[in-house]
Amino acid sequence: MPTLIREEGFEVKIYTLDHPPPHVHVAKAGAIVKVDLSTHHAVEIVGTISDRDVKRAERLVARNAQFLKVEWEKLHGCPSGKRKRS
């Protein structure tokens, strides 16, 4: 699970054996926020994190969405999550 972005205490990761739809996991102080790459909204929160930090995580993903989508595709194939055919 490569860490792709580290900023202001947040770490943005894509799990290598993950599933569609494309999303990232944003960690901060022991909490994990799963953020959808198409909507930039939190879809799952594990642990305790303030609403303010959830919004900051969503904005961090939105600012870096193009880069993160490219990285998702490198790890998982096309945007739908289906593997590319040779």
C-alpha atoms as a PDB file:
ATOM      1  CA  MET A   1       0.000   0.000   0.000  1.00  0.00           C
ATOM      2  CA  PRO A   2       2.016   2.934  -1.245  1.00  0.00           C
ATOM      3  CA  THR A   3       1.682   6.272   0.494  1.00  0.00           C
ATOM      4  CA  LEU A   4       1.183   8.761  -2.313  1.00  0.00           C
ATOM      5  CA  ILE A   5       0.773  12.043  -0.439  1.00  0.00           C
ATOM      6  CA  ARG A   6       1.882  13.254   2.984  1.00  0.00           C
ATOM      7  CA  GLU A   7       0.561  16.667   3.943  1.00  0.00           C
ATOM      8  CA  GLU A   8      -0.246  18.358   7.268  1.00  0.00           C
ATOM      9  CA  GLY A   9      -0.482  15.057   9.170  1.00  0.00           C
ATOM     10  CA  PHE A  10      -2.544  13.303   6.482  1.00  0.00           C
ATOM     11  CA  GLU A  11      -1.289  10.280   4.535  1.00  0.00           C
ATOM     12  CA  VAL A  12      -3.104   9.309   1.334  1.00  0.00           C
ATOM     13  CA  LYS A  13      -2.778   5.641   0.362  1.00  0.00           C
ATOM     14  CA  ILE A  14      -4.089   3.242  -2.255  1.00  0.00           C
ATOM     15  CA  TYR A  15      -4.238  -0.368  -1.130  1.00  0.00           C
ATOM     16  CA  THR A  16      -2.731  -2.653  -3.745  1.00  0.00           C
ATOM     17  CA  LEU A  17      -5.239  -5.488  -3.293  1.00  0.00           C
ATOM     18  CA  ASP A  18      -8.288  -3.229  -3.063  1.00  0.00           C
ATOM     19  CA  HIS A  19     -11.546  -3.251  -5.018  1.00  0.00           C
ATOM     20  CA  PRO A  20     -13.539  -0.837  -7.193  1.00  0.00           C
ATOM     21  CA  PRO A  21     -14.903   1.761  -7.258  1.00  0.00           C
ATOM     22  CA  PRO A  22     -11.688   3.827  -7.286  1.00  0.00           C
ATOM     23  CA  HIS A  23     -10.995   5.325  -3.873  1.00  0.00           C
ATOM     24  CA  VAL A  24      -8.175   6.209  -1.500  1.00  0.00           C
ATOM     25  CA  HIS A  25      -7.623   5.842   2.218  1.00  0.00           C
ATOM     26  CA  VAL A  26      -6.605   8.991   4.081  1.00  0.00           C
ATOM     27  CA  ALA A  27      -5.021   8.367   7.477  1.00  0.00           C
ATOM     28  CA  LYS A  28      -4.635  10.893  10.268  1.00  0.00           C
ATOM     29  CA  ALA A  29      -3.825  10.247  13.923  1.00  0.00           C
ATOM     30  CA  GLY A  30      -5.019   6.639  13.838  1.00  0.00           C
ATOM     31  CA  ALA A  31      -8.246   7.280  11.935  1.00  0.00           C
ATOM     32  CA  ILE A  32      -8.857   6.272   8.308  1.00  0.00           C
ATOM     33  CA  VAL A  33     -11.193   8.089   5.918  1.00  0.00           C
ATOM     34  CA  LYS A  34     -12.087   6.257   2.711  1.00  0.00           C
ATOM     35  CA  VAL A  35     -12.670   8.853  -0.032  1.00  0.00           C
ATOM     36  CA  ASP A  36     -14.312   8.089  -3.387  1.00  0.00           C
ATOM     37  CA  LEU A  37     -12.196   9.376  -6.299  1.00  0.00           C
ATOM     38  CA  SER A  38     -15.168  10.303  -8.474  1.00  0.00           C
ATOM     39  CA  THR A  39     -17.082  12.361  -5.887  1.00  0.00           C
ATOM     40  CA  HIS A  40     -14.261  13.304  -3.489  1.00  0.00           C
ATOM     41  CA  HIS A  41     -16.608  12.494  -0.594  1.00  0.00           C
ATOM     42  CA  ALA A  42     -15.915  10.325   2.429  1.00  0.00           C
ATOM     43  CA  VAL A  43     -17.713   7.001   2.105  1.00  0.00           C
ATOM     44  CA  GLU A  44     -16.391   5.348   5.260  1.00  0.00           C
ATOM     45  CA  ILE A  45     -14.677   6.470   8.453  1.00  0.00           C
ATOM     46  CA  VAL A  46     -12.850   4.154  10.831  1.00  0.00           C
ATOM     47  CA  GLY A  47     -11.714   5.619  14.123  1.00  0.00           C
ATOM     48  CA  THR A  48     -12.241   9.016  15.669  1.00  0.00           C
ATOM     49  CA  ILE A  49     -11.663  12.086  13.531  1.00  0.00           C
ATOM     50  CA  SER A  50     -13.208  15.548  13.595  1.00  0.00           C
ATOM     51  CA  ASP A  51     -15.677  16.668  10.947  1.00  0.00           C
ATOM     52  CA  ARG A  52     -13.211  19.426  10.109  1.00  0.00           C
ATOM     53  CA  ASP A  53     -10.458  16.886   9.375  1.00  0.00           C
ATOM     54  CA  VAL A  54     -12.820  14.763   7.274  1.00  0.00           C
ATOM     55  CA  LYS A  55     -13.526  17.853   5.134  1.00  0.00           C
ATOM     56  CA  ARG A  56      -9.786  18.571   4.947  1.00  0.00           C
ATOM     57  CA  ALA A  57      -9.182  14.987   3.773  1.00  0.00           C
ATOM     58  CA  GLU A  58     -11.864  15.373   1.097  1.00  0.00           C
ATOM     59  CA  ARG A  59     -10.322  18.643  -0.107  1.00  0.00           C
ATOM     60  CA  LEU A  60      -6.849  17.077  -0.170  1.00  0.00           C
ATOM     61  CA  VAL A  61      -8.157  14.283  -2.394  1.00  0.00           C
ATOM     62  CA  ALA A  62     -10.054  16.749  -4.615  1.00  0.00           C
ATOM     63  CA  ARG A  63      -6.900  18.883  -5.119  1.00  0.00           C
ATOM     64  CA  ASN A  64      -4.929  15.801  -6.150  1.00  0.00           C
ATOM     65  CA  ALA A  65      -7.709  13.865  -7.893  1.00  0.00           C
ATOM     66  CA  GLN A  66      -6.084  13.564 -11.318  1.00  0.00           C
ATOM     67  CA  PHE A  67      -2.813  12.266  -9.883  1.00  0.00           C
ATOM     68  CA  LEU A  68      -4.649   9.819  -7.602  1.00  0.00           C
ATOM     69  CA  LYS A  69      -6.816   8.498 -10.443  1.00  0.00           C
ATOM     70  CA  VAL A  70      -3.708   7.824 -12.530  1.00  0.00           C
ATOM     71  CA  GLU A  71      -2.100   5.995  -9.602  1.00  0.00           C
ATOM     72  CA  TRP A  72      -5.281   3.932  -9.050  1.00  0.00           C
ATOM     73  CA  GLU A  73      -5.202   2.919 -12.732  1.00  0.00           C
ATOM     74  CA  LYS A  74      -1.524   1.935 -12.484  1.00  0.00           C
ATOM     75  CA  LEU A  75      -2.305  -0.417  -9.592  1.00  0.00           C
ATOM     76  CA  HIS A  76      -5.760  -1.692 -10.548  1.00  0.00           C
ATOM     77  CA  GLY A  77      -6.253  -1.196 -14.276  1.00  0.00           C
ATOM     78  CA  CYS A  78      -8.945   0.928 -15.892  1.00  0.00           C
ATOM     79  CA  PRO A  79     -11.067   3.383 -13.858  1.00  0.00           C
ATOM     80  CA  SER A  80     -13.927   0.910 -13.422  1.00  0.00           C
ATOM     81  CA  GLY A  81     -11.510  -1.381 -11.633  1.00  0.00           C
ATOM     82  CA  LYS A  82     -11.648  -4.040 -14.369  1.00  0.00           C
ATOM     83  CA  ARG A  83      -8.247  -5.206 -15.504  1.00  0.00           C
ATOM     84  CA  LYS A  84      -7.036  -4.059 -18.919  1.00  0.00           C
ATOM     85  CA  ARG A  85      -6.746  -6.777 -21.546  1.00  0.00           C
ATOM     86  CA  SER A  86      -3.469  -7.322 -23.348  1.00  0.00           C
END
